[in-house]
Amino acid sequence: MSPGSSEPGRAGSGADPARLLAHVRGDVQGVGFRWWTRARALELGLDGAARNLPDGRVEVTAQGPRAACAELLGLLQAPDGAEAARRRPGAVRGVAAQWLAPRELPGGFVEL
C-alpha cells in the first residue's frame, strides 16, 4: 500500500486485527490534537499512542479491529470544516498512512 492511502493493502473483515501508522502534518502540535486523537481512539476501542515529532508532525499508532482503525484514519483525514473534523483541534494539511501487521502493544492509548 502506498503512503497516504486510506485503504488497507489486503482484503479482510473489518474485525481483523490491524495496526495503523499515520503521520499527520499541519498545525497539530500544542493545540490539543494528541488529546483529541487519544479520546477518539479510546472511543473506538483502539490501543496505541500519539506523539509529537521534532519536524512538527504528530505520529499516530493505533491497533485493533481494522474497521475501527479505518474510522480513526477517516477522522484524521477529514477536511478542516467537515462535520467529522468539526471539533478537531488544529489544522490538518495532510496524513500519510501505512497499514502494518499487528504487534504486541501495551493496552490503552497514550499521549507521548
PDB file of N, CA and C in Angstrom:
ATOM      1  N   MET A   1       0.834  -1.179   0.000  1.00  0.00           N
ATOM      2  CA  MET A   1       0.000   0.000   0.000  1.00  0.00           C
ATOM      3  C   MET A   1       0.871   1.232   0.000  1.00  0.00           C
ATOM      4  N   SER A   2       0.469   2.235  -0.680  1.00  0.00           N
ATOM      5  CA  SER A   2       1.269   3.450  -0.759  1.00  0.00           C
ATOM      6  C   SER A   2       0.985   4.358   0.419  1.00  0.00           C
ATOM      7  N   PRO A   3       2.004   5.134   0.866  1.00  0.00           N
ATOM      8  CA  PRO A   3       1.760   6.076   1.952  1.00  0.00           C
ATOM      9  C   PRO A   3       0.655   7.041   1.562  1.00  0.00           C
ATOM     10  N   GLY A   4      -0.142   7.419   2.534  1.00  0.00           N
ATOM     11  CA  GLY A   4      -1.220   8.355   2.283  1.00  0.00           C
ATOM     12  C   GLY A   4      -2.517   7.687   1.886  1.00  0.00           C
ATOM     13  N   SER A   5      -2.469   6.405   1.568  1.00  0.00           N
ATOM     14  CA  SER A   5      -3.669   5.689   1.183  1.00  0.00           C
ATOM     15  C   SER A   5      -4.487   5.375   2.426  1.00  0.00           C
ATOM     16  N   SER A   6      -5.796   5.454   2.288  1.00  0.00           N
ATOM     17  CA  SER A   6      -6.642   5.172   3.439  1.00  0.00           C
ATOM     18  C   SER A   6      -7.212   3.766   3.402  1.00  0.00           C
ATOM     19  N   GLU A   7      -6.869   2.998   2.378  1.00  0.00           N
ATOM     20  CA  GLU A   7      -7.408   1.656   2.264  1.00  0.00           C
ATOM     21  C   GLU A   7      -6.371   0.626   2.666  1.00  0.00           C
ATOM     22  N   PRO A   8      -6.786  -0.410   3.395  1.00  0.00           N
ATOM     23  CA  PRO A   8      -5.857  -1.475   3.732  1.00  0.00           C
ATOM     24  C   PRO A   8      -5.293  -2.111   2.472  1.00  0.00           C
ATOM     25  N   GLY A   9      -4.109  -2.665   2.571  1.00  0.00           N
ATOM     26  CA  GLY A   9      -3.453  -3.257   1.426  1.00  0.00           C
ATOM     27  C   GLY A   9      -3.967  -4.634   1.071  1.00  0.00           C
ATOM     28  N   ARG A  10      -4.812  -5.202   1.882  1.00  0.00           N
ATOM     29  CA  ARG A  10      -5.338  -6.529   1.579  1.00  0.00           C
ATOM     30  C   ARG A  10      -6.804  -6.582   1.977  1.00  0.00           C
ATOM     31  N   ALA A  11      -7.501  -7.500   1.352  1.00  0.00           N
ATOM     32  CA  ALA A  11      -8.915  -7.671   1.698  1.00  0.00           C
ATOM     33  C   ALA A  11      -9.011  -8.356   3.050  1.00  0.00           C
ATOM     34  N   GLY A  12     -10.103  -8.134   3.724  1.00  0.00           N
ATOM     35  CA  GLY A  12     -10.310  -8.795   5.003  1.00  0.00           C
ATOM     36  C   GLY A  12     -11.502  -8.207   5.702  1.00  0.00           C
ATOM     37  N   SER A  13     -11.911  -8.882   6.740  1.00  0.00           N
ATOM     38  CA  SER A  13     -13.049  -8.431   7.519  1.00  0.00           C
ATOM     39  C   SER A  13     -12.662  -7.227   8.355  1.00  0.00           C
ATOM     40  N   GLY A  14     -13.625  -6.368   8.649  1.00  0.00           N
ATOM     41  CA  GLY A  14     -13.385  -5.208   9.494  1.00  0.00           C
ATOM     42  C   GLY A  14     -13.016  -5.586  10.911  1.00  0.00           C
ATOM     43  N   ALA A  15     -13.255  -6.844  11.286  1.00  0.00           N
ATOM     44  CA  ALA A  15     -12.895  -7.303  12.631  1.00  0.00           C
ATOM     45  C   ALA A  15     -11.467  -7.826  12.691  1.00  0.00           C
ATOM     46  N   ASP A  16     -10.833  -8.028  11.529  1.00  0.00           N
ATOM     47  CA  ASP A  16      -9.446  -8.491  11.511  1.00  0.00           C
ATOM     48  C   ASP A  16      -8.565  -7.488  12.245  1.00  0.00           C
ATOM     49  N   PRO A  17      -7.600  -7.960  13.023  1.00  0.00           N
ATOM     50  CA  PRO A  17      -6.707  -7.024  13.710  1.00  0.00           C
ATOM     51  C   PRO A  17      -5.793  -6.325  12.714  1.00  0.00           C
ATOM     52  N   ALA A  18      -5.514  -5.059  12.992  1.00  0.00           N
ATOM     53  CA  ALA A  18      -4.645  -4.266  12.124  1.00  0.00           C
ATOM     54  C   ALA A  18      -3.910  -3.237  12.964  1.00  0.00           C
ATOM     55  N   ARG A  19      -2.804  -2.733  12.406  1.00  0.00           N
ATOM     56  CA  ARG A  19      -2.075  -1.648  13.044  1.00  0.00           C
ATOM     57  C   ARG A  19      -1.917  -0.541  12.018  1.00  0.00           C
ATOM     58  N   LEU A  20      -2.335   0.644  12.403  1.00  0.00           N
ATOM     59  CA  LEU A  20      -2.257   1.832  11.559  1.00  0.00           C
ATOM     60  C   LEU A  20      -1.120   2.713  12.054  1.00  0.00           C
ATOM     61  N   LEU A  21      -0.274   3.151  11.144  1.00  0.00           N
ATOM     62  CA  LEU A  21       0.751   4.143  11.451  1.00  0.00           C
ATOM     63  C   LEU A  21       0.450   5.347  10.577  1.00  0.00           C
ATOM     64  N   ALA A  22       0.139   6.481  11.208  1.00  0.00           N
ATOM     65  CA  ALA A  22      -0.218   7.690  10.460  1.00  0.00           C
ATOM     66  C   ALA A  22       0.661   8.851  10.915  1.00  0.00           C
ATOM     67  N   HIS A  23       1.111   9.632   9.948  1.00  0.00           N
ATOM     68  CA  HIS A  23       1.863  10.851  10.231  1.00  0.00           C
ATOM     69  C   HIS A  23       1.006  12.024   9.765  1.00  0.00           C
ATOM     70  N   VAL A  24       0.646  12.869  10.725  1.00  0.00           N
ATOM     71  CA  VAL A  24      -0.269  13.977  10.463  1.00  0.00           C
ATOM     72  C   VAL A  24       0.539  15.271  10.432  1.00  0.00           C
ATOM     73  N   ARG A  25       0.406  16.023   9.336  1.00  0.00           N
ATOM     74  CA  ARG A  25       1.117  17.298   9.251  1.00  0.00           C
ATOM     75  C   ARG A  25       0.127  18.445   9.216  1.00  0.00           C
ATOM     76  N   GLY A  26       0.599  19.593   9.656  1.00  0.00           N
ATOM     77  CA  GLY A  26      -0.226  20.796   9.732  1.00  0.00           C
ATOM     78  C   GLY A  26       0.040  21.482  11.060  1.00  0.00           C
ATOM     79  N   ASP A  27      -0.919  22.250  11.517  1.00  0.00           N
ATOM     80  CA  ASP A  27      -0.828  22.881  12.839  1.00  0.00           C
ATOM     81  C   ASP A  27      -1.430  21.913  13.848  1.00  0.00           C
ATOM     82  N   VAL A  28      -0.621  20.938  14.265  1.00  0.00           N
ATOM     83  CA  VAL A  28      -1.133  19.846  15.098  1.00  0.00           C
ATOM     84  C   VAL A  28      -0.383  19.683  16.410  1.00  0.00           C
ATOM     85  N   GLN A  29       0.572  20.533  16.688  1.00  0.00           N
ATOM     86  CA  GLN A  29       1.290  20.460  17.961  1.00  0.00           C
ATOM     87  C   GLN A  29       0.938  21.670  18.812  1.00  0.00           C
ATOM     88  N   GLY A  30       0.751  21.421  20.109  1.00  0.00           N
ATOM     89  CA  GLY A  30       0.451  22.495  21.045  1.00  0.00           C
ATOM     90  C   GLY A  30      -0.972  23.011  20.976  1.00  0.00           C
ATOM     91  N   VAL A  31      -1.874  22.226  20.373  1.00  0.00           N
ATOM     92  CA  VAL A  31      -3.273  22.669  20.212  1.00  0.00           C
ATOM     93  C   VAL A  31      -4.280  21.654  20.753  1.00  0.00           C
ATOM     94  N   GLY A  32      -3.799  20.572  21.385  1.00  0.00           N
ATOM     95  CA  GLY A  32      -4.698  19.545  21.908  1.00  0.00           C
ATOM     96  C   GLY A  32      -4.989  18.422  20.933  1.00  0.00           C
ATOM     97  N   PHE A  33      -4.244  18.359  19.827  1.00  0.00           N
ATOM     98  CA  PHE A  33      -4.501  17.353  18.806  1.00  0.00           C
ATOM     99  C   PHE A  33      -4.255  15.938  19.319  1.00  0.00           C
ATOM    100  N   ARG A  34      -3.169  15.712  20.069  1.00  0.00           N
ATOM    101  CA  ARG A  34      -2.896  14.364  20.603  1.00  0.00           C
ATOM    102  C   ARG A  34      -3.985  13.949  21.584  1.00  0.00           C
ATOM    103  N   TRP A  35      -4.425  14.867  22.416  1.00  0.00           N
ATOM    104  CA  TRP A  35      -5.504  14.571  23.366  1.00  0.00           C
ATOM    105  C   TRP A  35      -6.765  14.169  22.602  1.00  0.00           C
ATOM    106  N   TRP A  36      -7.122  14.935  21.574  1.00  0.00           N
ATOM    107  CA  TRP A  36      -8.306  14.646  20.759  1.00  0.00           C
ATOM    108  C   TRP A  36      -8.173  13.265  20.104  1.00  0.00           C
ATOM    109  N   THR A  37      -6.980  12.975  19.564  1.00  0.00           N
ATOM    110  CA  THR A  37      -6.741  11.683  18.921  1.00  0.00           C
ATOM    111  C   THR A  37      -6.888  10.547  19.926  1.00  0.00           C
ATOM    112  N   ARG A  38      -6.330  10.734  21.113  1.00  0.00           N
ATOM    113  CA  ARG A  38      -6.444   9.713  22.164  1.00  0.00           C
ATOM    114  C   ARG A  38      -7.906   9.462  22.510  1.00  0.00           C
ATOM    115  N   ALA A  39      -8.684  10.534  22.675  1.00  0.00           N
ATOM    116  CA  ALA A  39     -10.106  10.385  23.014  1.00  0.00           C
ATOM    117  C   ALA A  39     -10.851   9.607  21.931  1.00  0.00           C
ATOM    118  N   ARG A  40     -10.606   9.934  20.651  1.00  0.00           N
ATOM    119  CA  ARG A  40     -11.278   9.224  19.564  1.00  0.00           C
ATOM    120  C   ARG A  40     -10.840   7.764  19.528  1.00  0.00           C
ATOM    121  N   ALA A  41      -9.550   7.497  19.722  1.00  0.00           N
ATOM    122  CA  ALA A  41      -9.046   6.122  19.691  1.00  0.00           C
ATOM    123  C   ALA A  41      -9.662   5.291  20.815  1.00  0.00           C
ATOM    124  N   LEU A  42      -9.758   5.870  22.002  1.00  0.00           N
ATOM    125  CA  LEU A  42     -10.357   5.140  23.128  1.00  0.00           C
ATOM    126  C   LEU A  42     -11.836   4.874  22.877  1.00  0.00           C
ATOM    127  N   GLU A  43     -12.546   5.839  22.284  1.00  0.00           N
ATOM    128  CA  GLU A  43     -13.956   5.615  21.936  1.00  0.00           C
ATOM    129  C   GLU A  43     -14.109   4.444  20.967  1.00  0.00           C
ATOM    130  N   LEU A  44     -13.112   4.261  20.111  1.00  0.00           N
ATOM    131  CA  LEU A  44     -13.150   3.195  19.113  1.00  0.00           C
ATOM    132  C   LEU A  44     -12.557   1.881  19.628  1.00  0.00           C
ATOM    133  N   GLY A  45     -12.073   1.876  20.870  1.00  0.00           N
ATOM    134  CA  GLY A  45     -11.520   0.668  21.461  1.00  0.00           C
ATOM    135  C   GLY A  45     -10.132   0.311  20.957  1.00  0.00           C
ATOM    136  N   LEU A  46      -9.349   1.295  20.560  1.00  0.00           N
ATOM    137  CA  LEU A  46      -8.029   1.054  19.998  1.00  0.00           C
ATOM    138  C   LEU A  46      -6.924   1.226  21.038  1.00  0.00           C
ATOM    139  N   ASP A  47      -5.847   0.515  20.851  1.00  0.00           N
ATOM    140  CA  ASP A  47      -4.626   0.679  21.638  1.00  0.00           C
ATOM    141  C   ASP A  47      -3.631   1.456  20.787  1.00  0.00           C
ATOM    142  N   GLY A  48      -2.676   2.140  21.447  1.00  0.00           N
ATOM    143  CA  GLY A  48      -1.634   2.805  20.696  1.00  0.00           C
ATOM    144  C   GLY A  48      -1.152   4.070  21.358  1.00  0.00           C
ATOM    145  N   ALA A  49      -0.672   5.007  20.523  1.00  0.00           N
ATOM    146  CA  ALA A  49      -0.091   6.235  21.048  1.00  0.00           C
ATOM    147  C   ALA A  49      -0.122   7.329  19.991  1.00  0.00           C
ATOM    148  N   ALA A  50      -0.076   8.572  20.476  1.00  0.00           N
ATOM    149  CA  ALA A  50       0.094   9.744  19.622  1.00  0.00           C
ATOM    150  C   ALA A  50       1.279  10.516  20.181  1.00  0.00           C
ATOM    151  N   ARG A  51       2.237  10.848  19.327  1.00  0.00           N
ATOM    152  CA  ARG A  51       3.441  11.536  19.800  1.00  0.00           C
ATOM    153  C   ARG A  51       3.816  12.667  18.858  1.00  0.00           C
ATOM    154  N   ASN A  52       4.334  13.745  19.443  1.00  0.00           N
ATOM    155  CA  ASN A  52       4.869  14.842  18.650  1.00  0.00           C
ATOM    156  C   ASN A  52       6.217  14.430  18.079  1.00  0.00           C
ATOM    157  N   LEU A  53       6.466  14.801  16.834  1.00  0.00           N
ATOM    158  CA  LEU A  53       7.761  14.571  16.206  1.00  0.00           C
ATOM    159  C   LEU A  53       8.508  15.902  16.097  1.00  0.00           C
ATOM    160  N   PRO A  54       9.825  15.860  16.073  1.00  0.00           N
ATOM    161  CA  PRO A  54      10.595  17.101  16.025  1.00  0.00           C
ATOM    162  C   PRO A  54      10.304  17.971  14.799  1.00  0.00           C
ATOM    163  N   ASP A  55       9.830  17.381  13.707  1.00  0.00           N
ATOM    164  CA  ASP A  55       9.567  18.156  12.485  1.00  0.00           C
ATOM    165  C   ASP A  55       8.183  18.809  12.470  1.00  0.00           C
ATOM    166  N   GLY A  56       7.436  18.708  13.581  1.00  0.00           N
ATOM    167  CA  GLY A  56       6.130  19.355  13.678  1.00  0.00           C
ATOM    168  C   GLY A  56       4.946  18.454  13.394  1.00  0.00           C
ATOM    169  N   ARG A  57       5.190  17.239  12.914  1.00  0.00           N
ATOM    170  CA  ARG A  57       4.099  16.301  12.671  1.00  0.00           C
ATOM    171  C   ARG A  57       3.727  15.587  13.964  1.00  0.00           C
ATOM    172  N   VAL A  58       2.569  14.925  13.942  1.00  0.00           N
ATOM    173  CA  VAL A  58       2.169  14.022  15.016  1.00  0.00           C
ATOM    174  C   VAL A  58       2.118  12.623  14.422  1.00  0.00           C
ATOM    175  N   GLU A  59       2.757  11.674  15.109  1.00  0.00           N
ATOM    176  CA  GLU A  59       2.734  10.272  14.709  1.00  0.00           C
ATOM    177  C   GLU A  59       1.672   9.555  15.525  1.00  0.00           C
ATOM    178  N   VAL A  60       0.777   8.874  14.838  1.00  0.00           N
ATOM    179  CA  VAL A  60      -0.295   8.117  15.491  1.00  0.00           C
ATOM    180  C   VAL A  60      -0.120   6.645  15.153  1.00  0.00           C
ATOM    181  N   THR A  61      -0.015   5.829  16.191  1.00  0.00           N
ATOM    182  CA  THR A  61      -0.001   4.372  16.035  1.00  0.00           C
ATOM    183  C   THR A  61      -1.262   3.864  16.709  1.00  0.00           C
ATOM    184  N   ALA A  62      -2.087   3.158  15.952  1.00  0.00           N
ATOM    185  CA  ALA A  62      -3.345   2.640  16.504  1.00  0.00           C
ATOM    186  C   ALA A  62      -3.497   1.189  16.085  1.00  0.00           C
ATOM    187  N   GLN A  63      -3.938   0.368  17.023  1.00  0.00           N
ATOM    188  CA  GLN A  63      -4.093  -1.055  16.748  1.00  0.00           C
ATOM    189  C   GLN A  63      -5.402  -1.557  17.325  1.00  0.00           C
ATOM    190  N   GLY A  64      -6.044  -2.421  16.560  1.00  0.00           N
ATOM    191  CA  GLY A  64      -7.309  -3.010  16.974  1.00  0.00           C
ATOM    192  C   GLY A  64      -8.035  -3.514  15.743  1.00  0.00           C
ATOM    193  N   PRO A  65      -9.349  -3.630  15.805  1.00  0.00           N
ATOM    194  CA  PRO A  65     -10.094  -4.075  14.632  1.00  0.00           C
ATOM    195  C   PRO A  65      -9.845  -3.137  13.443  1.00  0.00           C
ATOM    196  N   ARG A  66      -9.638  -3.724  12.271  1.00  0.00           N
ATOM    197  CA  ARG A  66      -9.329  -2.947  11.061  1.00  0.00           C
ATOM    198  C   ARG A  66     -10.366  -1.846  10.811  1.00  0.00           C
ATOM    199  N   ALA A  67     -11.640  -2.143  11.027  1.00  0.00           N
ATOM    200  CA  ALA A  67     -12.686  -1.148  10.776  1.00  0.00           C
ATOM    201  C   ALA A  67     -12.545   0.049  11.715  1.00  0.00           C
ATOM    202  N   ALA A  68     -12.180  -0.191  12.973  1.00  0.00           N
ATOM    203  CA  ALA A  68     -12.009   0.894  13.932  1.00  0.00           C
ATOM    204  C   ALA A  68     -10.783   1.734  13.575  1.00  0.00           C
ATOM    205  N   CYS A  69      -9.703   1.077  13.151  1.00  0.00           N
ATOM    206  CA  CYS A  69      -8.514   1.818  12.709  1.00  0.00           C
ATOM    207  C   CYS A  69      -8.846   2.675  11.491  1.00  0.00           C
ATOM    208  N   ALA A  70      -9.621   2.115  10.565  1.00  0.00           N
ATOM    209  CA  ALA A  70     -10.009   2.865   9.370  1.00  0.00           C
ATOM    210  C   ALA A  70     -10.894   4.063   9.739  1.00  0.00           C
ATOM    211  N   GLU A  71     -11.745   3.890  10.738  1.00  0.00           N
ATOM    212  CA  GLU A  71     -12.587   5.003  11.174  1.00  0.00           C
ATOM    213  C   GLU A  71     -11.742   6.119  11.781  1.00  0.00           C
ATOM    214  N   LEU A  72     -10.749   5.758  12.592  1.00  0.00           N
ATOM    215  CA  LEU A  72      -9.855   6.769  13.151  1.00  0.00           C
ATOM    216  C   LEU A  72      -9.104   7.476  12.031  1.00  0.00           C
ATOM    217  N   LEU A  73      -8.618   6.744  11.056  1.00  0.00           N
ATOM    218  CA  LEU A  73      -7.920   7.360   9.931  1.00  0.00           C
ATOM    219  C   LEU A  73      -8.833   8.339   9.200  1.00  0.00           C
ATOM    220  N   GLY A  74     -10.080   7.975   9.022  1.00  0.00           N
ATOM    221  CA  GLY A  74     -11.034   8.892   8.390  1.00  0.00           C
ATOM    222  C   GLY A  74     -11.203  10.178   9.171  1.00  0.00           C
ATOM    223  N   LEU A  75     -11.223  10.074  10.497  1.00  0.00           N
ATOM    224  CA  LEU A  75     -11.330  11.280  11.327  1.00  0.00           C
ATOM    225  C   LEU A  75     -10.075  12.135  11.212  1.00  0.00           C
ATOM    226  N   LEU A  76      -8.910  11.492  11.141  1.00  0.00           N
ATOM    227  CA  LEU A  76      -7.663  12.237  10.994  1.00  0.00           C
ATOM    228  C   LEU A  76      -7.600  12.937   9.631  1.00  0.00           C
ATOM    229  N   GLN A  77      -8.119  12.278   8.597  1.00  0.00           N
ATOM    230  CA  GLN A  77      -8.039  12.801   7.239  1.00  0.00           C
ATOM    231  C   GLN A  77      -9.169  13.759   6.867  1.00  0.00           C
ATOM    232  N   ALA A  78     -10.205  13.832   7.657  1.00  0.00           N
ATOM    233  CA  ALA A  78     -11.361  14.669   7.303  1.00  0.00           C
ATOM    234  C   ALA A  78     -10.906  16.102   7.059  1.00  0.00           C
ATOM    235  N   PRO A  79     -11.392  16.714   5.986  1.00  0.00           N
ATOM    236  CA  PRO A  79     -11.003  18.096   5.704  1.00  0.00           C
ATOM    237  C   PRO A  79     -11.434  19.028   6.835  1.00  0.00           C
ATOM    238  N   ASP A  80     -10.581  20.013   7.125  1.00  0.00           N
ATOM    239  CA  ASP A  80     -10.955  21.015   8.125  1.00  0.00           C
ATOM    240  C   ASP A  80     -12.295  21.620   7.715  1.00  0.00           C
ATOM    241  N   GLY A  81     -13.178  21.776   8.673  1.00  0.00           N
ATOM    242  CA  GLY A  81     -14.505  22.317   8.403  1.00  0.00           C
ATOM    243  C   GLY A  81     -15.545  21.240   8.143  1.00  0.00           C
ATOM    244  N   ALA A  82     -15.111  20.011   7.813  1.00  0.00           N
ATOM    245  CA  ALA A  82     -16.059  18.915   7.605  1.00  0.00           C
ATOM    246  C   ALA A  82     -16.664  18.524   8.945  1.00  0.00           C
ATOM    247  N   GLU A  83     -17.842  17.964   8.912  1.00  0.00           N
ATOM    248  CA  GLU A  83     -18.523  17.571  10.155  1.00  0.00           C
ATOM    249  C   GLU A  83     -17.647  16.654  11.008  1.00  0.00           C
ATOM    250  N   ALA A  84     -16.965  15.689  10.372  1.00  0.00           N
ATOM    251  CA  ALA A  84     -16.129  14.752  11.124  1.00  0.00           C
ATOM    252  C   ALA A  84     -14.984  15.465  11.836  1.00  0.00           C
ATOM    253  N   ALA A  85     -14.534  16.586  11.304  1.00  0.00           N
ATOM    254  CA  ALA A  85     -13.405  17.320  11.888  1.00  0.00           C
ATOM    255  C   ALA A  85     -13.855  18.541  12.681  1.00  0.00           C
ATOM    256  N   ARG A  86     -15.150  18.689  12.865  1.00  0.00           N
ATOM    257  CA  ARG A  86     -15.701  19.908  13.463  1.00  0.00           C
ATOM    258  C   ARG A  86     -15.049  20.263  14.789  1.00  0.00           C
ATOM    259  N   ARG A  87     -14.787  19.313  15.620  1.00  0.00           N
ATOM    260  CA  ARG A  87     -14.221  19.598  16.948  1.00  0.00           C
ATOM    261  C   ARG A  87     -12.749  19.228  17.040  1.00  0.00           C
ATOM    262  N   ARG A  88     -12.141  18.888  15.926  1.00  0.00           N
ATOM    263  CA  ARG A  88     -10.720  18.511  15.935  1.00  0.00           C
ATOM    264  C   ARG A  88      -9.871  19.770  16.075  1.00  0.00           C
ATOM    265  N   PRO A  89      -8.981  19.802  17.066  1.00  0.00           N
ATOM    266  CA  PRO A  89      -8.145  20.989  17.247  1.00  0.00           C
ATOM    267  C   PRO A  89      -7.059  21.084  16.174  1.00  0.00           C
ATOM    268  N   GLY A  90      -6.590  22.280  15.935  1.00  0.00           N
ATOM    269  CA  GLY A  90      -5.522  22.488  14.977  1.00  0.00           C
ATOM    270  C   GLY A  90      -6.031  22.499  13.550  1.00  0.00           C
ATOM    271  N   ALA A  91      -5.105  22.348  12.634  1.00  0.00           N
ATOM    272  CA  ALA A  91      -5.424  22.314  11.204  1.00  0.00           C
ATOM    273  C   ALA A  91      -4.579  21.226  10.560  1.00  0.00           C
ATOM    274  N   VAL A  92      -5.227  20.253   9.956  1.00  0.00           N
ATOM    275  CA  VAL A  92      -4.540  19.148   9.310  1.00  0.00           C
ATOM    276  C   VAL A  92      -4.339  19.498   7.838  1.00  0.00           C
ATOM    277  N   ARG A  93      -3.092  19.365   7.381  1.00  0.00           N
ATOM    278  CA  ARG A  93      -2.779  19.645   5.982  1.00  0.00           C
ATOM    279  C   ARG A  93      -2.513  18.373   5.178  1.00  0.00           C
ATOM    280  N   GLY A  94      -2.337  17.270   5.882  1.00  0.00           N
ATOM    281  CA  GLY A  94      -2.107  16.008   5.185  1.00  0.00           C
ATOM    282  C   GLY A  94      -1.868  14.878   6.163  1.00  0.00           C
ATOM    283  N   VAL A  95      -2.177  13.671   5.709  1.00  0.00           N
ATOM    284  CA  VAL A  95      -1.963  12.471   6.524  1.00  0.00           C
ATOM    285  C   VAL A  95      -1.355  11.403   5.618  1.00  0.00           C
ATOM    286  N   ALA A  96      -0.199  10.892   6.013  1.00  0.00           N
ATOM    287  CA  ALA A  96       0.410   9.750   5.335  1.00  0.00           C
ATOM    288  C   ALA A  96       0.161   8.537   6.221  1.00  0.00           C
ATOM    289  N   ALA A  97      -0.411   7.496   5.638  1.00  0.00           N
ATOM    290  CA  ALA A  97      -0.801   6.329   6.443  1.00  0.00           C
ATOM    291  C   ALA A  97      -0.208   5.054   5.873  1.00  0.00           C
ATOM    292  N   GLN A  98       0.115   4.146   6.778  1.00  0.00           N
ATOM    293  CA  GLN A  98       0.578   2.808   6.421  1.00  0.00           C
ATOM    294  C   GLN A  98      -0.205   1.800   7.248  1.00  0.00           C
ATOM    295  N   TRP A  99      -0.539   0.677   6.621  1.00  0.00           N
ATOM    296  CA  TRP A  99      -1.169  -0.436   7.334  1.00  0.00           C
ATOM    297  C   TRP A  99      -0.099  -1.479   7.577  1.00  0.00           C
ATOM    298  N   LEU A 100       0.059  -1.870   8.829  1.00  0.00           N
ATOM    299  CA  LEU A 100       1.105  -2.795   9.230  1.00  0.00           C
ATOM    300  C   LEU A 100       0.504  -3.999   9.944  1.00  0.00           C
ATOM    301  N   ALA A 101       1.310  -5.043  10.061  1.00  0.00           N
ATOM    302  CA  ALA A 101       0.862  -6.215  10.811  1.00  0.00           C
ATOM    303  C   ALA A 101       0.758  -5.868  12.291  1.00  0.00           C
ATOM    304  N   PRO A 102      -0.247  -6.378  12.970  1.00  0.00           N
ATOM    305  CA  PRO A 102      -0.364  -6.124  14.410  1.00  0.00           C
ATOM    306  C   PRO A 102       0.866  -6.650  15.148  1.00  0.00           C
ATOM    307  N   ARG A 103       1.159  -6.043  16.279  1.00  0.00           N
ATOM    308  CA  ARG A 103       2.253  -6.496  17.132  1.00  0.00           C
ATOM    309  C   ARG A 103       1.843  -6.296  18.579  1.00  0.00           C
ATOM    310  N   GLU A 104       2.651  -6.790  19.475  1.00  0.00           N
ATOM    311  CA  GLU A 104       2.364  -6.655  20.906  1.00  0.00           C
ATOM    312  C   GLU A 104       2.487  -5.188  21.310  1.00  0.00           C
ATOM    313  N   LEU A 105       1.410  -4.629  21.834  1.00  0.00           N
ATOM    314  CA  LEU A 105       1.401  -3.249  22.334  1.00  0.00           C
ATOM    315  C   LEU A 105       0.830  -3.254  23.745  1.00  0.00           C
ATOM    316  N   PRO A 106       1.274  -2.317  24.584  1.00  0.00           N
ATOM    317  CA  PRO A 106       0.607  -2.177  25.892  1.00  0.00           C
ATOM    318  C   PRO A 106      -0.852  -1.793  25.664  1.00  0.00           C
ATOM    319  N   GLY A 107      -1.716  -2.154  26.557  1.00  0.00           N
ATOM    320  CA  GLY A 107      -3.123  -1.798  26.425  1.00  0.00           C
ATOM    321  C   GLY A 107      -3.357  -0.309  26.609  1.00  0.00           C
ATOM    322  N   GLY A 108      -4.428   0.187  26.049  1.00  0.00           N
ATOM    323  CA  GLY A 108      -4.776   1.593  26.182  1.00  0.00           C
ATOM    324  C   GLY A 108      -4.172   2.445  25.079  1.00  0.00           C
ATOM    325  N   PHE A 109      -4.425   3.721  25.163  1.00  0.00           N
ATOM    326  CA  PHE A 109      -3.913   4.668  24.170  1.00  0.00           C
ATOM    327  C   PHE A 109      -3.326   5.850  24.939  1.00  0.00           C
ATOM    328  N   VAL A 110      -2.102   6.207  24.626  1.00  0.00           N
ATOM    329  CA  VAL A 110      -1.400   7.228  25.402  1.00  0.00           C
ATOM    330  C   VAL A 110      -0.915   8.371  24.516  1.00  0.00           C
ATOM    331  N   GLU A 111      -0.717   9.517  25.151  1.00  0.00           N
ATOM    332  CA  GLU A 111      -0.069  10.664  24.516  1.00  0.00           C
ATOM    333  C   GLU A 111       1.382  10.644  24.957  1.00  0.00           C
ATOM    334  N   LEU A 112       2.282  10.704  24.018  1.00  0.00           N
ATOM    335  CA  LEU A 112       3.717  10.722  24.337  1.00  0.00           C
ATOM    336  C   LEU A 112       4.325  12.054  23.929  1.00  0.00           C
TER     337      LEU A 112
END
